[in-house]
C-alpha atoms as a PDB file:
ATOM      1  CA  MET A   1     -46.369 -33.378 -27.492  1.00  0.00           C
ATOM      2  CA  THR A   2     -44.327 -30.146 -27.365  1.00  0.00           C
ATOM      3  CA  ALA A   3     -41.861 -29.732 -24.274  1.00  0.00           C
ATOM      4  CA  ILE A   4     -40.800 -26.261 -23.237  1.00  0.00           C
ATOM      5  CA  VAL A   5     -37.133 -26.263 -22.031  1.00  0.00           C
ATOM      6  CA  SER A   6     -35.727 -23.117 -20.392  1.00  0.00           C
ATOM      7  CA  LEU A   7     -32.221 -22.748 -19.380  1.00  0.00           C
ATOM      8  CA  ILE A   8     -31.076 -20.170 -16.668  1.00  0.00           C
ATOM      9  CA  VAL A   9     -27.241 -19.576 -16.612  1.00  0.00           C
ATOM     10  CA  LEU A  10     -25.897 -17.728 -13.676  1.00  0.00           C
ATOM     11  CA  ASN A  11     -22.733 -15.810 -13.113  1.00  0.00           C
ATOM     12  CA  SER A  12     -20.675 -17.031  -9.788  1.00  0.00           C
ATOM     13  CA  LYS A  13     -17.864 -15.431  -8.181  1.00  0.00           C
ATOM     14  CA  ALA A  14     -15.679 -16.761  -5.520  1.00  0.00           C
ATOM     15  CA  GLU A  15     -13.560 -14.894  -3.278  1.00  0.00           C
ATOM     16  CA  ASP A  16     -11.231 -15.727  -0.413  1.00  0.00           C
ATOM     17  CA  ILE A  17     -12.568 -14.249   2.996  1.00  0.00           C
ATOM     18  CA  VAL A  18     -10.754 -13.815   6.254  1.00  0.00           C
ATOM     19  CA  ILE A  19     -13.106 -15.073   9.206  1.00  0.00           C
ATOM     20  CA  TYR A  20     -12.089 -12.919  12.569  1.00  0.00           C
ATOM     21  CA  LYS A  21     -13.364 -14.254  16.019  1.00  0.00           C
ATOM     22  CA  LYS A  22     -15.653 -11.719  17.380  1.00  0.00           C
ATOM     23  CA  GLY A  23     -13.958  -9.204  19.798  1.00  0.00           C
ATOM     24  CA  SER A  24     -10.501 -10.568  18.757  1.00  0.00           C
ATOM     25  CA  THR A  25      -7.616  -8.183  17.516  1.00  0.00           C
ATOM     26  CA  GLU A  26      -5.298 -10.804  16.413  1.00  0.00           C
ATOM     27  CA  LEU A  27      -4.986 -11.913  12.776  1.00  0.00           C
ATOM     28  CA  PRO A  28      -5.708 -15.418  12.042  1.00  0.00           C
ATOM     29  CA  LYS A  29      -2.746 -17.736  11.868  1.00  0.00           C
ATOM     30  CA  ASP A  30      -2.706 -17.871   8.030  1.00  0.00           C
ATOM     31  CA  THR A  31      -2.848 -14.582   7.667  1.00  0.00           C
ATOM     32  CA  SER A  32       0.186 -11.858   7.374  1.00  0.00           C
ATOM     33  CA  GLU A  33       0.271  -8.562   8.230  1.00  0.00           C
ATOM     34  CA  LYS A  34       2.152  -5.884   6.032  1.00  0.00           C
ATOM     35  CA  PRO A  35       5.057  -4.384   8.033  1.00  0.00           C
ATOM     36  CA  ILE A  36       4.788  -1.221   6.202  1.00  0.00           C
ATOM     37  CA  ASP A  37       1.368   0.247   4.778  1.00  0.00           C
ATOM     38  CA  ILE A  38       2.163   2.917   2.007  1.00  0.00           C
ATOM     39  CA  HIS A  39      -0.531   6.248   1.699  1.00  0.00           C
ATOM     40  CA  VAL A  40      -0.447   9.148  -0.667  1.00  0.00           C
ATOM     41  CA  ASP A  41      -2.261  12.091  -0.033  1.00  0.00           C
ATOM     42  CA  GLU A  42      -2.451  13.806  -3.471  1.00  0.00           C
ATOM     43  CA  PRO A  43      -3.875  17.255  -2.299  1.00  0.00           C
ATOM     44  CA  SER A  44      -1.217  17.665   0.274  1.00  0.00           C
ATOM     45  CA  LYS A  45       1.183  16.030  -1.707  1.00  0.00           C
ATOM     46  CA  GLU A  46       2.369  14.128   1.161  1.00  0.00           C
ATOM     47  CA  LEU A  47       3.572  10.259   1.462  1.00  0.00           C
ATOM     48  CA  SER A  48       2.953   8.390   4.495  1.00  0.00           C
ATOM     49  CA  LEU A  49       4.603   5.272   5.946  1.00  0.00           C
ATOM     50  CA  VAL A  50       2.625   3.599   8.502  1.00  0.00           C
ATOM     51  CA  PHE A  51       4.708   1.028  10.284  1.00  0.00           C
ATOM     52  CA  ASN A  52       2.711  -1.648  11.491  1.00  0.00           C
ATOM     53  CA  LYS A  53       5.669  -3.608  13.164  1.00  0.00           C
ATOM     54  CA  SER A  54       9.191  -1.983  14.240  1.00  0.00           C
ATOM     55  CA  ILE A  55      11.463  -2.339  11.434  1.00  0.00           C
ATOM     56  CA  GLU A  56      14.428  -0.401   9.875  1.00  0.00           C
ATOM     57  CA  VAL A  57      14.077   0.346   6.199  1.00  0.00           C
ATOM     58  CA  ARG A  58      16.150   1.761   3.520  1.00  0.00           C
ATOM     59  CA  THR A  59      13.841   4.220   1.764  1.00  0.00           C
ATOM     60  CA  ILE A  60      14.237   5.376  -1.721  1.00  0.00           C
ATOM     61  CA  ILE A  61      11.729   7.718  -3.601  1.00  0.00           C
ATOM     62  CA  SER A  62      12.033   8.819  -6.900  1.00  0.00           C
ATOM     63  CA  GLY A  63       9.927  11.009  -9.341  1.00  0.00           C
ATOM     64  CA  PRO A  64      10.206  13.059 -12.326  1.00  0.00           C
ATOM     65  CA  LYS A  65      13.154  15.159 -11.014  1.00  0.00           C
ATOM     66  CA  GLY A  66      14.907  12.364 -10.041  1.00  0.00           C
ATOM     67  CA  VAL A  67      15.735  10.764  -6.563  1.00  0.00           C
ATOM     68  CA  ILE A  68      14.001  12.688  -3.844  1.00  0.00           C
ATOM     69  CA  PHE A  69      14.609  10.696  -0.629  1.00  0.00           C
ATOM     70  CA  ASN A  70      17.243   8.342   0.110  1.00  0.00           C
ATOM     71  CA  ASP A  71      17.548   7.335   3.896  1.00  0.00           C
ATOM     72  CA  ASP A  72      17.385   4.829   6.448  1.00  0.00           C
ATOM     73  CA  ILE A  73      14.198   4.939   8.407  1.00  0.00           C
ATOM     74  CA  ASN A  74      13.855   3.437  11.767  1.00  0.00           C
ATOM     75  CA  GLY A  75      10.087   3.058  12.357  1.00  0.00           C
ATOM     76  CA  ASN A  76       8.679   1.864  15.602  1.00  0.00           C
ATOM     77  CA  SER A  77       5.454  -0.173  15.684  1.00  0.00           C
ATOM     78  CA  ASN A  78       2.093   2.115  15.209  1.00  0.00           C
ATOM     79  CA  THR A  79       4.167   5.002  14.060  1.00  0.00           C
ATOM     80  CA  THR A  80       3.599   7.253  10.908  1.00  0.00           C
ATOM     81  CA  VAL A  81       6.208   8.790   8.605  1.00  0.00           C
ATOM     82  CA  ASN A  82       5.408  11.731   6.825  1.00  0.00           C
ATOM     83  CA  ILE A  83       7.354  12.634   3.696  1.00  0.00           C
ATOM     84  CA  ASN A  84       6.333  16.085   1.786  1.00  0.00           C
ATOM     85  CA  LEU A  85       6.714  15.618  -1.839  1.00  0.00           C
ATOM     86  CA  SER A  86       5.408  19.140  -2.790  1.00  0.00           C
ATOM     87  CA  GLY A  87       7.899  21.101  -5.236  1.00  0.00           C
ATOM     88  CA  SER A  88       8.737  17.823  -6.605  1.00  0.00           C
ATOM     89  CA  GLY A  89       6.879  18.123  -9.783  1.00  0.00           C
ATOM     90  CA  GLU A  90       4.055  16.393 -11.496  1.00  0.00           C
ATOM     91  CA  GLY A  91       4.463  12.856 -12.705  1.00  0.00           C
ATOM     92  CA  ASP A  92       5.143   9.366 -11.804  1.00  0.00           C
ATOM     93  CA  TYR A  93       6.714   8.392  -8.382  1.00  0.00           C
ATOM     94  CA  ASP A  94       8.254   4.946  -7.103  1.00  0.00           C
ATOM     95  CA  VAL A  95       8.800   4.029  -3.558  1.00  0.00           C
ATOM     96  CA  LEU A  96      11.260   1.157  -2.474  1.00  0.00           C
ATOM     97  CA  LEU A  97      11.340  -0.109   0.737  1.00  0.00           C
ATOM     98  CA  ILE A  98      14.250  -2.487   1.714  1.00  0.00           C
ATOM     99  CA  ASP A  99      14.496  -4.098   4.924  1.00  0.00           C
ATOM    100  CA  ASN A 100      17.775  -5.475   6.467  1.00  0.00           C
ATOM    101  CA  SER A 101      16.834  -8.857   5.559  1.00  0.00           C
ATOM    102  CA  GLY A 102      17.024  -7.766   1.744  1.00  0.00           C
ATOM    103  CA  ASN A 103      13.016  -8.016   1.733  1.00  0.00           C
ATOM    104  CA  VAL A 104      11.547  -5.534  -0.901  1.00  0.00           C
ATOM    105  CA  THR A 105       8.175  -3.639  -0.908  1.00  0.00           C
ATOM    106  CA  ASP A 106       7.799  -1.365  -3.519  1.00  0.00           C
ATOM    107  CA  SER A 107       4.875   1.131  -4.599  1.00  0.00           C
ATOM    108  CA  SER A 108       4.248   3.695  -7.802  1.00  0.00           C
ATOM    109  CA  PHE A 109       1.784   6.314  -8.013  1.00  0.00           C
ATOM    110  CA  TYR A 110       1.016   9.601  -9.936  1.00  0.00           C
ATOM    111  CA  ILE A 111       0.708  13.177  -8.398  1.00  0.00           C
ATOM    112  CA  SER A 112      -0.753  16.046 -10.577  1.00  0.00           C
ATOM    113  CA  GLU A 113       0.109  19.609 -10.053  1.00  0.00           C
ATOM    114  CA  THR A 114      -3.622  20.426  -9.934  1.00  0.00           C
ATOM    115  CA  ASN A 115      -4.147  22.517  -6.700  1.00  0.00           C
ATOM    116  CA  TYR A 116      -7.400  21.550  -5.006  1.00  0.00           C
END
């Protein structure tokens, strides 16, 4: 008697999913919102800091030509601060945000000189 055995291997992937109550605008208790989102618009060479809560931060932006911006920004909740980077050159940029409690947020990005 001959037996045929087949083996099926399935790849599985797991990820955390945050479940929101329908119609709710509040984040679940175990989810923390970032105080500031950092966005870069490469074609316009503009950096946007989107404040999700009222916070004051020391903002340091450096690029291929050195420090471009170094100042305190007092952002109110739901406001956006735009910083023009045109003329600062092609290359790598670093953003460092430090709040009054010493918490640090940083980001890096690349801007090319290509005009769209």
